[in-house]
PDB file of N, CA and C in Angstrom:
ATOM      1  N   MET A   1     -20.866   2.962   5.130  1.00  0.00           N
ATOM      2  CA  MET A   1     -19.441   3.228   5.239  1.00  0.00           C
ATOM      3  C   MET A   1     -18.759   2.812   3.932  1.00  0.00           C
ATOM      4  N   ALA A   2     -17.822   3.603   3.501  1.00  0.00           N
ATOM      5  CA  ALA A   2     -17.078   3.342   2.268  1.00  0.00           C
ATOM      6  C   ALA A   2     -15.738   2.692   2.599  1.00  0.00           C
ATOM      7  N   GLN A   3     -15.183   2.027   1.613  1.00  0.00           N
ATOM      8  CA  GLN A   3     -13.863   1.429   1.778  1.00  0.00           C
ATOM      9  C   GLN A   3     -12.831   2.258   1.017  1.00  0.00           C
ATOM     10  N   TYR A   4     -11.636   2.349   1.607  1.00  0.00           N
ATOM     11  CA  TYR A   4     -10.553   3.147   1.046  1.00  0.00           C
ATOM     12  C   TYR A   4      -9.267   2.334   1.023  1.00  0.00           C
ATOM     13  N   LEU A   5      -8.474   2.563   0.007  1.00  0.00           N
ATOM     14  CA  LEU A   5      -7.127   2.009  -0.071  1.00  0.00           C
ATOM     15  C   LEU A   5      -6.186   3.030   0.557  1.00  0.00           C
ATOM     16  N   VAL A   6      -5.380   2.587   1.489  1.00  0.00           N
ATOM     17  CA  VAL A   6      -4.328   3.411   2.077  1.00  0.00           C
ATOM     18  C   VAL A   6      -3.024   2.736   1.661  1.00  0.00           C
ATOM     19  N   ALA A   7      -2.383   3.284   0.616  1.00  0.00           N
ATOM     20  CA  ALA A   7      -1.222   2.642  -0.007  1.00  0.00           C
ATOM     21  C   ALA A   7       0.066   3.341   0.391  1.00  0.00           C
ATOM     22  N   ILE A   8       1.053   2.547   0.762  1.00  0.00           N
ATOM     23  CA  ILE A   8       2.373   3.046   1.128  1.00  0.00           C
ATOM     24  C   ILE A   8       3.250   3.013  -0.122  1.00  0.00           C
ATOM     25  N   HIS A   9       3.939   4.104  -0.419  1.00  0.00           N
ATOM     26  CA  HIS A   9       4.798   4.169  -1.599  1.00  0.00           C
ATOM     27  C   HIS A   9       6.264   4.121  -1.184  1.00  0.00           C
ATOM     28  N   HIS A  10       7.015   3.291  -1.870  1.00  0.00           N
ATOM     29  CA  HIS A  10       8.456   3.185  -1.650  1.00  0.00           C
ATOM     30  C   HIS A  10       9.184   3.605  -2.912  1.00  0.00           C
ATOM     31  N   PRO A  11      10.376   4.185  -2.781  1.00  0.00           N
ATOM     32  CA  PRO A  11      11.152   4.514  -3.972  1.00  0.00           C
ATOM     33  C   PRO A  11      11.555   3.234  -4.708  1.00  0.00           C
ATOM     34  N   ASP A  12      11.850   3.375  -5.966  1.00  0.00           N
ATOM     35  CA  ASP A  12      12.189   2.226  -6.806  1.00  0.00           C
ATOM     36  C   ASP A  12      13.316   1.379  -6.207  1.00  0.00           C
ATOM     37  N   ASN A  13      14.271   2.004  -5.576  1.00  0.00           N
ATOM     38  CA  ASN A  13      15.419   1.288  -5.014  1.00  0.00           C
ATOM     39  C   ASN A  13      15.287   1.085  -3.505  1.00  0.00           C
ATOM     40  N   TYR A  14      14.057   0.917  -3.011  1.00  0.00           N
ATOM     41  CA  TYR A  14      13.800   0.814  -1.572  1.00  0.00           C
ATOM     42  C   TYR A  14      14.585  -0.337  -0.957  1.00  0.00           C
ATOM     43  N   ASP A  15      15.218  -0.047   0.153  1.00  0.00           N
ATOM     44  CA  ASP A  15      16.013  -1.038   0.873  1.00  0.00           C
ATOM     45  C   ASP A  15      15.315  -1.354   2.193  1.00  0.00           C
ATOM     46  N   ALA A  16      14.671  -2.528   2.259  1.00  0.00           N
ATOM     47  CA  ALA A  16      13.911  -2.913   3.452  1.00  0.00           C
ATOM     48  C   ALA A  16      14.797  -3.030   4.686  1.00  0.00           C
ATOM     49  N   SER A  17      16.103  -3.159   4.516  1.00  0.00           N
ATOM     50  CA  SER A  17      16.987  -3.259   5.682  1.00  0.00           C
ATOM     51  C   SER A  17      17.031  -1.936   6.457  1.00  0.00           C
ATOM     52  N   ARG A  18      16.517  -0.849   5.865  1.00  0.00           N
ATOM     53  CA  ARG A  18      16.446   0.442   6.569  1.00  0.00           C
ATOM     54  C   ARG A  18      15.379   0.432   7.647  1.00  0.00           C
ATOM     55  N   GLU A  19      14.465  -0.515   7.579  1.00  0.00           N
ATOM     56  CA  GLU A  19      13.376  -0.576   8.546  1.00  0.00           C
ATOM     57  C   GLU A  19      13.910  -1.078   9.883  1.00  0.00           C
ATOM     58  N   ASP A  20      13.702  -0.287  10.923  1.00  0.00           N
ATOM     59  CA  ASP A  20      14.206  -0.678  12.236  1.00  0.00           C
ATOM     60  C   ASP A  20      13.061  -1.171  13.126  1.00  0.00           C
ATOM     61  N   GLU A  21      13.431  -1.604  14.319  1.00  0.00           N
ATOM     62  CA  GLU A  21      12.433  -2.129  15.253  1.00  0.00           C
ATOM     63  C   GLU A  21      11.393  -1.085  15.617  1.00  0.00           C
ATOM     64  N   ALA A  22      11.808   0.171  15.729  1.00  0.00           N
ATOM     65  CA  ALA A  22      10.870   1.236  16.089  1.00  0.00           C
ATOM     66  C   ALA A  22       9.807   1.396  15.006  1.00  0.00           C
ATOM     67  N   MET A  23      10.206   1.314  13.749  1.00  0.00           N
ATOM     68  CA  MET A  23       9.243   1.434  12.656  1.00  0.00           C
ATOM     69  C   MET A  23       8.268   0.267  12.677  1.00  0.00           C
ATOM     70  N   HIS A  24       8.766  -0.948  12.851  1.00  0.00           N
ATOM     71  CA  HIS A  24       7.892  -2.121  12.912  1.00  0.00           C
ATOM     72  C   HIS A  24       6.924  -2.016  14.091  1.00  0.00           C
ATOM     73  N   ARG A  25       7.415  -1.512  15.205  1.00  0.00           N
ATOM     74  CA  ARG A  25       6.562  -1.338  16.385  1.00  0.00           C
ATOM     75  C   ARG A  25       5.470  -0.304  16.087  1.00  0.00           C
ATOM     76  N   ASP A  26       5.835   0.799  15.439  1.00  0.00           N
ATOM     77  CA  ASP A  26       4.847   1.831  15.111  1.00  0.00           C
ATOM     78  C   ASP A  26       3.771   1.297  14.160  1.00  0.00           C
ATOM     79  N   ILE A  27       4.172   0.470  13.214  1.00  0.00           N
ATOM     80  CA  ILE A  27       3.205  -0.128  12.286  1.00  0.00           C
ATOM     81  C   ILE A  27       2.306  -1.111  13.036  1.00  0.00           C
ATOM     82  N   ASP A  28       2.884  -1.894  13.937  1.00  0.00           N
ATOM     83  CA  ASP A  28       2.072  -2.814  14.749  1.00  0.00           C
ATOM     84  C   ASP A  28       1.048  -2.051  15.586  1.00  0.00           C
ATOM     85  N   VAL A  29       1.471  -0.934  16.185  1.00  0.00           N
ATOM     86  CA  VAL A  29       0.566  -0.119  16.991  1.00  0.00           C
ATOM     87  C   VAL A  29      -0.565   0.422  16.119  1.00  0.00           C
ATOM     88  N   LEU A  30      -0.236   0.877  14.910  1.00  0.00           N
ATOM     89  CA  LEU A  30      -1.268   1.377  14.002  1.00  0.00           C
ATOM     90  C   LEU A  30      -2.235   0.265  13.624  1.00  0.00           C
ATOM     91  N   ASN A  31      -1.722  -0.927  13.331  1.00  0.00           N
ATOM     92  CA  ASN A  31      -2.601  -2.060  13.025  1.00  0.00           C
ATOM     93  C   ASN A  31      -3.534  -2.371  14.188  1.00  0.00           C
ATOM     94  N   GLU A  32      -3.002  -2.377  15.398  1.00  0.00           N
ATOM     95  CA  GLU A  32      -3.827  -2.646  16.578  1.00  0.00           C
ATOM     96  C   GLU A  32      -4.894  -1.569  16.756  1.00  0.00           C
ATOM     97  N   GLU A  33      -4.522  -0.313  16.481  1.00  0.00           N
ATOM     98  CA  GLU A  33      -5.486   0.784  16.600  1.00  0.00           C
ATOM     99  C   GLU A  33      -6.602   0.638  15.559  1.00  0.00           C
ATOM    100  N   MET A  34      -6.227   0.258  14.341  1.00  0.00           N
ATOM    101  CA  MET A  34      -7.231   0.061  13.282  1.00  0.00           C
ATOM    102  C   MET A  34      -8.180  -1.084  13.628  1.00  0.00           C
ATOM    103  N   ILE A  35      -7.629  -2.161  14.167  1.00  0.00           N
ATOM    104  CA  ILE A  35      -8.470  -3.305  14.567  1.00  0.00           C
ATOM    105  C   ILE A  35      -9.418  -2.893  15.684  1.00  0.00           C
ATOM    106  N   ALA A  36      -8.895  -2.195  16.689  1.00  0.00           N
ATOM    107  CA  ALA A  36      -9.723  -1.767  17.820  1.00  0.00           C
ATOM    108  C   ALA A  36     -10.842  -0.823  17.365  1.00  0.00           C
ATOM    109  N   ALA A  37     -10.567  -0.002  16.353  1.00  0.00           N
ATOM    110  CA  ALA A  37     -11.572   0.933  15.842  1.00  0.00           C
ATOM    111  C   ALA A  37     -12.541   0.261  14.874  1.00  0.00           C
ATOM    112  N   GLY A  38     -12.229  -0.973  14.496  1.00  0.00           N
ATOM    113  CA  GLY A  38     -13.099  -1.712  13.587  1.00  0.00           C
ATOM    114  C   GLY A  38     -13.053  -1.237  12.145  1.00  0.00           C
ATOM    115  N   VAL A  39     -11.941  -0.587  11.743  1.00  0.00           N
ATOM    116  CA  VAL A  39     -11.856  -0.057  10.377  1.00  0.00           C
ATOM    117  C   VAL A  39     -11.016  -0.914   9.441  1.00  0.00           C
ATOM    118  N   ARG A  40     -10.150  -1.739   9.985  1.00  0.00           N
ATOM    119  CA  ARG A  40      -9.228  -2.499   9.132  1.00  0.00           C
ATOM    120  C   ARG A  40      -9.942  -3.688   8.511  1.00  0.00           C
ATOM    121  N   ILE A  41      -9.981  -3.709   7.169  1.00  0.00           N
ATOM    122  CA  ILE A  41     -10.580  -4.805   6.422  1.00  0.00           C
ATOM    123  C   ILE A  41      -9.502  -5.792   5.995  1.00  0.00           C
ATOM    124  N   PHE A  42      -8.381  -5.265   5.492  1.00  0.00           N
ATOM    125  CA  PHE A  42      -7.301  -6.104   4.990  1.00  0.00           C
ATOM    126  C   PHE A  42      -6.017  -5.296   5.006  1.00  0.00           C
ATOM    127  N   VAL A  43      -4.899  -5.970   5.190  1.00  0.00           N
ATOM    128  CA  VAL A  43      -3.587  -5.325   5.148  1.00  0.00           C
ATOM    129  C   VAL A  43      -2.608  -6.266   4.466  1.00  0.00           C
ATOM    130  N   GLY A  44      -1.661  -5.709   3.733  1.00  0.00           N
ATOM    131  CA  GLY A  44      -0.666  -6.553   3.088  1.00  0.00           C
ATOM    132  C   GLY A  44       0.569  -5.768   2.707  1.00  0.00           C
ATOM    133  N   GLY A  45       1.693  -6.408   2.852  1.00  0.00           N
ATOM    134  CA  GLY A  45       2.956  -5.847   2.378  1.00  0.00           C
ATOM    135  C   GLY A  45       3.318  -6.534   1.073  1.00  0.00           C
ATOM    136  N   LEU A  46       3.971  -5.809   0.188  1.00  0.00           N
ATOM    137  CA  LEU A  46       4.327  -6.360  -1.118  1.00  0.00           C
ATOM    138  C   LEU A  46       5.832  -6.508  -1.263  1.00  0.00           C
ATOM    139  N   ARG A  47       6.234  -7.509  -1.998  1.00  0.00           N
ATOM    140  CA  ARG A  47       7.645  -7.680  -2.348  1.00  0.00           C
ATOM    141  C   ARG A  47       8.044  -6.536  -3.278  1.00  0.00           C
ATOM    142  N   PRO A  48       9.340  -6.341  -3.529  1.00  0.00           N
ATOM    143  CA  PRO A  48       9.773  -5.250  -4.411  1.00  0.00           C
ATOM    144  C   PRO A  48       9.143  -5.336  -5.799  1.00  0.00           C
ATOM    145  N   ALA A  49       8.967  -4.173  -6.412  1.00  0.00           N
ATOM    146  CA  ALA A  49       8.359  -4.107  -7.747  1.00  0.00           C
ATOM    147  C   ALA A  49       9.142  -4.943  -8.759  1.00  0.00           C
ATOM    148  N   SER A  50      10.421  -5.126  -8.531  1.00  0.00           N
ATOM    149  CA  SER A  50      11.229  -5.925  -9.459  1.00  0.00           C
ATOM    150  C   SER A  50      10.776  -7.385  -9.500  1.00  0.00           C
ATOM    151  N   SER A  51      10.007  -7.826  -8.498  1.00  0.00           N
ATOM    152  CA  SER A  51       9.530  -9.212  -8.482  1.00  0.00           C
ATOM    153  C   SER A  51       8.180  -9.359  -9.197  1.00  0.00           C
ATOM    154  N   ALA A  52       7.636  -8.255  -9.688  1.00  0.00           N
ATOM    155  CA  ALA A  52       6.325  -8.274 -10.336  1.00  0.00           C
ATOM    156  C   ALA A  52       6.392  -8.877 -11.737  1.00  0.00           C
ATOM    157  N   LYS A  53       5.268  -9.347 -12.205  1.00  0.00           N
ATOM    158  CA  LYS A  53       5.067  -9.784 -13.592  1.00  0.00           C
ATOM    159  C   LYS A  53       3.903  -8.966 -14.134  1.00  0.00           C
ATOM    160  N   SER A  54       4.040  -8.460 -15.331  1.00  0.00           N
ATOM    161  CA  SER A  54       2.973  -7.684 -15.971  1.00  0.00           C
ATOM    162  C   SER A  54       2.392  -8.484 -17.124  1.00  0.00           C
ATOM    163  N   LEU A  55       1.084  -8.468 -17.234  1.00  0.00           N
ATOM    164  CA  LEU A  55       0.381  -9.189 -18.294  1.00  0.00           C
ATOM    165  C   LEU A  55      -0.367  -8.184 -19.166  1.00  0.00           C
ATOM    166  N   ARG A  56      -0.218  -8.354 -20.484  1.00  0.00           N
ATOM    167  CA  ARG A  56      -0.881  -7.454 -21.432  1.00  0.00           C
ATOM    168  C   ARG A  56      -1.511  -8.274 -22.544  1.00  0.00           C
ATOM    169  N   ALA A  57      -2.774  -7.946 -22.855  1.00  0.00           N
ATOM    170  CA  ALA A  57      -3.451  -8.605 -23.975  1.00  0.00           C
ATOM    171  C   ALA A  57      -2.834  -8.125 -25.286  1.00  0.00           C
ATOM    172  N   GLN A  58      -2.650  -9.053 -26.212  1.00  0.00           N
ATOM    173  CA  GLN A  58      -2.089  -8.752 -27.523  1.00  0.00           C
ATOM    174  C   GLN A  58      -3.207  -8.787 -28.572  1.00  0.00           C
ATOM    175  N   PRO A  59      -2.990  -8.117 -29.712  1.00  0.00           N
ATOM    176  CA  PRO A  59      -4.022  -8.096 -30.759  1.00  0.00           C
ATOM    177  C   PRO A  59      -4.430  -9.483 -31.249  1.00  0.00           C
ATOM    178  N   ASP A  60      -3.505 -10.460 -31.165  1.00  0.00           N
ATOM    179  CA  ASP A  60      -3.816 -11.810 -31.645  1.00  0.00           C
ATOM    180  C   ASP A  60      -4.570 -12.645 -30.611  1.00  0.00           C
ATOM    181  N   GLY A  61      -4.931 -12.022 -29.458  1.00  0.00           N
ATOM    182  CA  GLY A  61      -5.676 -12.727 -28.429  1.00  0.00           C
ATOM    183  C   GLY A  61      -4.811 -13.399 -27.387  1.00  0.00           C
ATOM    184  N   LYS A  62      -3.499 -13.434 -27.606  1.00  0.00           N
ATOM    185  CA  LYS A  62      -2.589 -14.014 -26.619  1.00  0.00           C
ATOM    186  C   LYS A  62      -2.293 -12.990 -25.534  1.00  0.00           C
ATOM    187  N   VAL A  63      -1.692 -13.465 -24.462  1.00  0.00           N
ATOM    188  CA  VAL A  63      -1.316 -12.592 -23.351  1.00  0.00           C
ATOM    189  C   VAL A  63       0.202 -12.614 -23.222  1.00  0.00           C
ATOM    190  N   LEU A  64       0.788 -11.430 -23.258  1.00  0.00           N
ATOM    191  CA  LEU A  64       2.234 -11.279 -23.101  1.00  0.00           C
ATOM    192  C   LEU A  64       2.550 -11.066 -21.629  1.00  0.00           C
ATOM    193  N   ILE A  65       3.482 -11.856 -21.093  1.00  0.00           N
ATOM    194  CA  ILE A  65       3.917 -11.725 -19.702  1.00  0.00           C
ATOM    195  C   ILE A  65       5.352 -11.225 -19.717  1.00  0.00           C
ATOM    196  N   THR A  66       5.586 -10.114 -19.009  1.00  0.00           N
ATOM    197  CA  THR A  66       6.929  -9.557 -18.936  1.00  0.00           C
ATOM    198  C   THR A  66       7.333  -9.384 -17.479  1.00  0.00           C
ATOM    199  N   ASP A  67       8.640  -9.320 -17.236  1.00  0.00           N
ATOM    200  CA  ASP A  67       9.161  -9.088 -15.899  1.00  0.00           C
ATOM    201  C   ASP A  67       8.999  -7.619 -15.529  1.00  0.00           C
ATOM    202  N   GLY A  68       8.753  -7.386 -14.264  1.00  0.00           N
ATOM    203  CA  GLY A  68       8.710  -6.029 -13.746  1.00  0.00           C
ATOM    204  C   GLY A  68       7.315  -5.462 -13.626  1.00  0.00           C
ATOM    205  N   PRO A  69       7.241  -4.274 -13.035  1.00  0.00           N
ATOM    206  CA  PRO A  69       5.939  -3.642 -12.810  1.00  0.00           C
ATOM    207  C   PRO A  69       5.306  -3.203 -14.128  1.00  0.00           C
ATOM    208  N   TYR A  70       4.027  -2.931 -14.064  1.00  0.00           N
ATOM    209  CA  TYR A  70       3.258  -2.500 -15.228  1.00  0.00           C
ATOM    210  C   TYR A  70       3.781  -1.171 -15.767  1.00  0.00           C
ATOM    211  N   LEU A  71       4.100  -0.247 -14.872  1.00  0.00           N
ATOM    212  CA  LEU A  71       4.604   1.065 -15.259  1.00  0.00           C
ATOM    213  C   LEU A  71       6.009   1.273 -14.735  1.00  0.00           C
ATOM    214  N   GLU A  72       6.806   2.002 -15.485  1.00  0.00           N
ATOM    215  CA  GLU A  72       8.118   2.406 -15.006  1.00  0.00           C
ATOM    216  C   GLU A  72       7.947   3.731 -14.287  1.00  0.00           C
ATOM    217  N   THR A  73       8.142   3.704 -12.976  1.00  0.00           N
ATOM    218  CA  THR A  73       7.985   4.903 -12.163  1.00  0.00           C
ATOM    219  C   THR A  73       9.117   4.978 -11.153  1.00  0.00           C
ATOM    220  N   LYS A  74       9.184   6.070 -10.440  1.00  0.00           N
ATOM    221  CA  LYS A  74      10.202   6.237  -9.407  1.00  0.00           C
ATOM    222  C   LYS A  74       9.754   5.682  -8.074  1.00  0.00           C
ATOM    223  N   GLU A  75       8.435   5.439  -7.928  1.00  0.00           N
ATOM    224  CA  GLU A  75       7.881   4.888  -6.693  1.00  0.00           C
ATOM    225  C   GLU A  75       6.914   3.764  -7.024  1.00  0.00           C
ATOM    226  N   HIS A  76       6.793   2.827  -6.093  1.00  0.00           N
ATOM    227  CA  HIS A  76       5.880   1.696  -6.251  1.00  0.00           C
ATOM    228  C   HIS A  76       5.165   1.454  -4.932  1.00  0.00           C
ATOM    229  N   ILE A  77       4.006   0.819  -5.002  1.00  0.00           N
ATOM    230  CA  ILE A  77       3.286   0.472  -3.770  1.00  0.00           C
ATOM    231  C   ILE A  77       4.055  -0.625  -3.050  1.00  0.00           C
ATOM    232  N   GLY A  78       4.400  -0.363  -1.812  1.00  0.00           N
ATOM    233  CA  GLY A  78       5.149  -1.324  -1.016  1.00  0.00           C
ATOM    234  C   GLY A  78       4.265  -2.100  -0.050  1.00  0.00           C
ATOM    235  N   GLY A  79       3.093  -1.585   0.210  1.00  0.00           N
ATOM    236  CA  GLY A  79       2.152  -2.233   1.112  1.00  0.00           C
ATOM    237  C   GLY A  79       0.891  -1.403   1.169  1.00  0.00           C
ATOM    238  N   PHE A  80      -0.141  -1.942   1.809  1.00  0.00           N
ATOM    239  CA  PHE A  80      -1.407  -1.222   1.823  1.00  0.00           C
ATOM    240  C   PHE A  80      -2.336  -1.747   2.895  1.00  0.00           C
ATOM    241  N   TRP A  81      -3.317  -0.926   3.206  1.00  0.00           N
ATOM    242  CA  TRP A  81      -4.445  -1.307   4.035  1.00  0.00           C
ATOM    243  C   TRP A  81      -5.707  -1.064   3.220  1.00  0.00           C
ATOM    244  N   VAL A  82      -6.719  -1.832   3.467  1.00  0.00           N
ATOM    245  CA  VAL A  82      -8.071  -1.505   3.038  1.00  0.00           C
ATOM    246  C   VAL A  82      -8.816  -1.213   4.326  1.00  0.00           C
ATOM    247  N   VAL A  83      -9.325   0.015   4.424  1.00  0.00           N
ATOM    248  CA  VAL A  83     -10.029   0.430   5.635  1.00  0.00           C
ATOM    249  C   VAL A  83     -11.454   0.829   5.290  1.00  0.00           C
ATOM    250  N   GLU A  84     -12.316   0.732   6.274  1.00  0.00           N
ATOM    251  CA  GLU A  84     -13.692   1.175   6.126  1.00  0.00           C
ATOM    252  C   GLU A  84     -13.849   2.434   6.962  1.00  0.00           C
ATOM    253  N   ALA A  85     -14.282   3.502   6.307  1.00  0.00           N
ATOM    254  CA  ALA A  85     -14.390   4.788   7.002  1.00  0.00           C
ATOM    255  C   ALA A  85     -15.702   5.474   6.629  1.00  0.00           C
ATOM    256  N   ALA A  86     -16.161   6.340   7.511  1.00  0.00           N
ATOM    257  CA  ALA A  86     -17.419   7.051   7.293  1.00  0.00           C
ATOM    258  C   ALA A  86     -17.325   8.005   6.113  1.00  0.00           C
ATOM    259  N   ASN A  87     -16.107   8.558   5.886  1.00  0.00           N
ATOM    260  CA  ASN A  87     -15.930   9.526   4.803  1.00  0.00           C
ATOM    261  C   ASN A  87     -14.438   9.684   4.504  1.00  0.00           C
ATOM    262  N   LEU A  88     -14.147  10.494   3.492  1.00  0.00           N
ATOM    263  CA  LEU A  88     -12.761  10.695   3.081  1.00  0.00           C
ATOM    264  C   LEU A  88     -11.928  11.312   4.200  1.00  0.00           C
ATOM    265  N   ASP A  89     -12.494  12.230   4.959  1.00  0.00           N
ATOM    266  CA  ASP A  89     -11.734  12.853   6.048  1.00  0.00           C
ATOM    267  C   ASP A  89     -11.266  11.815   7.062  1.00  0.00           C
ATOM    268  N   GLU A  90     -12.133  10.861   7.390  1.00  0.00           N
ATOM    269  CA  GLU A  90     -11.745   9.812   8.331  1.00  0.00           C
ATOM    270  C   GLU A  90     -10.659   8.923   7.723  1.00  0.00           C
ATOM    271  N   ALA A  91     -10.788   8.599   6.443  1.00  0.00           N
ATOM    272  CA  ALA A  91      -9.761   7.791   5.769  1.00  0.00           C
ATOM    273  C   ALA A  91      -8.431   8.533   5.724  1.00  0.00           C
ATOM    274  N   LEU A  92      -8.476   9.838   5.484  1.00  0.00           N
ATOM    275  CA  LEU A  92      -7.246  10.637   5.472  1.00  0.00           C
ATOM    276  C   LEU A  92      -6.590  10.672   6.848  1.00  0.00           C
ATOM    277  N   ALA A  93      -7.386  10.639   7.906  1.00  0.00           N
ATOM    278  CA  ALA A  93      -6.823  10.597   9.261  1.00  0.00           C
ATOM    279  C   ALA A  93      -6.005   9.323   9.452  1.00  0.00           C
ATOM    280  N   TRP A  94      -6.507   8.189   8.926  1.00  0.00           N
ATOM    281  CA  TRP A  94      -5.742   6.943   8.990  1.00  0.00           C
ATOM    282  C   TRP A  94      -4.507   7.047   8.102  1.00  0.00           C
ATOM    283  N   GLY A  95      -4.641   7.705   6.962  1.00  0.00           N
ATOM    284  CA  GLY A  95      -3.489   7.912   6.083  1.00  0.00           C
ATOM    285  C   GLY A  95      -2.391   8.715   6.756  1.00  0.00           C
ATOM    286  N   ARG A  96      -2.777   9.741   7.512  1.00  0.00           N
ATOM    287  CA  ARG A  96      -1.784  10.537   8.240  1.00  0.00           C
ATOM    288  C   ARG A  96      -1.016   9.669   9.231  1.00  0.00           C
ATOM    289  N   LYS A  97      -1.729   8.801   9.912  1.00  0.00           N
ATOM    290  CA  LYS A  97      -1.065   7.905  10.872  1.00  0.00           C
ATOM    291  C   LYS A  97      -0.133   6.931  10.147  1.00  0.00           C
ATOM    292  N   ALA A  98      -0.545   6.486   8.958  1.00  0.00           N
ATOM    293  CA  ALA A  98       0.287   5.563   8.176  1.00  0.00           C
ATOM    294  C   ALA A  98       1.573   6.234   7.701  1.00  0.00           C
ATOM    295  N   VAL A  99       1.489   7.501   7.309  1.00  0.00           N
ATOM    296  CA  VAL A  99       2.684   8.245   6.894  1.00  0.00           C
ATOM    297  C   VAL A  99       3.717   8.250   8.015  1.00  0.00           C
ATOM    298  N   ILE A 100       3.247   8.511   9.221  1.00  0.00           N
ATOM    299  CA  ILE A 100       4.152   8.592  10.371  1.00  0.00           C
ATOM    300  C   ILE A 100       4.709   7.216  10.719  1.00  0.00           C
ATOM    301  N   ALA A 101       3.844   6.195  10.766  1.00  0.00           N
ATOM    302  CA  ALA A 101       4.296   4.857  11.158  1.00  0.00           C
ATOM    303  C   ALA A 101       5.251   4.260  10.124  1.00  0.00           C
ATOM    304  N   CYS A 102       4.945   4.457   8.849  1.00  0.00           N
ATOM    305  CA  CYS A 102       5.728   3.811   7.784  1.00  0.00           C
ATOM    306  C   CYS A 102       6.898   4.655   7.302  1.00  0.00           C
ATOM    307  N   ARG A 103       6.902   5.929   7.687  1.00  0.00           N
ATOM    308  CA  ARG A 103       7.974   6.823   7.276  1.00  0.00           C
ATOM    309  C   ARG A 103       8.117   6.856   5.747  1.00  0.00           C
ATOM    310  N   ALA A 104       6.964   6.920   5.082  1.00  0.00           N
ATOM    311  CA  ALA A 104       6.932   6.888   3.618  1.00  0.00           C
ATOM    312  C   ALA A 104       5.673   7.606   3.136  1.00  0.00           C
ATOM    313  N   PRO A 105       5.677   8.057   1.884  1.00  0.00           N
ATOM    314  CA  PRO A 105       4.468   8.688   1.339  1.00  0.00           C
ATOM    315  C   PRO A 105       3.301   7.711   1.292  1.00  0.00           C
ATOM    316  N   VAL A 106       2.095   8.235   1.413  1.00  0.00           N
ATOM    317  CA  VAL A 106       0.878   7.418   1.429  1.00  0.00           C
ATOM    318  C   VAL A 106      -0.127   8.014   0.464  1.00  0.00           C
ATOM    319  N   GLU A 107      -0.864   7.146  -0.208  1.00  0.00           N
ATOM    320  CA  GLU A 107      -1.977   7.554  -1.067  1.00  0.00           C
ATOM    321  C   GLU A 107      -3.258   6.974  -0.475  1.00  0.00           C
ATOM    322  N   VAL A 108      -4.294   7.796  -0.388  1.00  0.00           N
ATOM    323  CA  VAL A 108      -5.605   7.334   0.063  1.00  0.00           C
ATOM    324  C   VAL A 108      -6.549   7.479  -1.112  1.00  0.00           C
ATOM    325  N   ARG A 109      -7.221   6.361  -1.452  1.00  0.00           N
ATOM    326  CA  ARG A 109      -8.114   6.370  -2.614  1.00  0.00           C
ATOM    327  C   ARG A 109      -9.349   5.544  -2.312  1.00  0.00           C
ATOM    328  N   PRO A 110     -10.547   6.092  -2.629  1.00  0.00           N
ATOM    329  CA  PRO A 110     -11.782   5.348  -2.380  1.00  0.00           C
ATOM    330  C   PRO A 110     -11.994   4.244  -3.405  1.00  0.00           C
ATOM    331  N   PHE A 111     -12.645   3.171  -2.960  1.00  0.00           N
ATOM    332  CA  PHE A 111     -13.095   2.124  -3.873  1.00  0.00           C
ATOM    333  C   PHE A 111     -14.439   2.546  -4.456  1.00  0.00           C
ATOM    334  N   HIS A 112     -14.807   1.978  -5.593  1.00  0.00           N
ATOM    335  CA  HIS A 112     -16.132   2.240  -6.183  1.00  0.00           C
ATOM    336  C   HIS A 112     -17.179   1.624  -5.299  1.00  0.00           C
TER     337      HIS A 112
END
């Protein structure tokens, strides 16, 4: 079985106060379903991208630390699951459920 990242994307200006009880309940139900199916390896929600620190190696061997995400984009990963699935189709099925529960775009990507 392979492992896949199921990443939830939020817009740059995502407002967590938009999340209602129904959405939280749907995410809880999805988590319970993943646990019951034995596919959930790890799950985590992330703070806003504005709270990130980016580290870059410099030519002089030092490391530069800057505020904010590594890339300037319109969307950032807001949370994710690591799931174990038989194949990409099975991982995509979990991704479809995540889109509905989280009410946000989802990316599914295999690990090496």
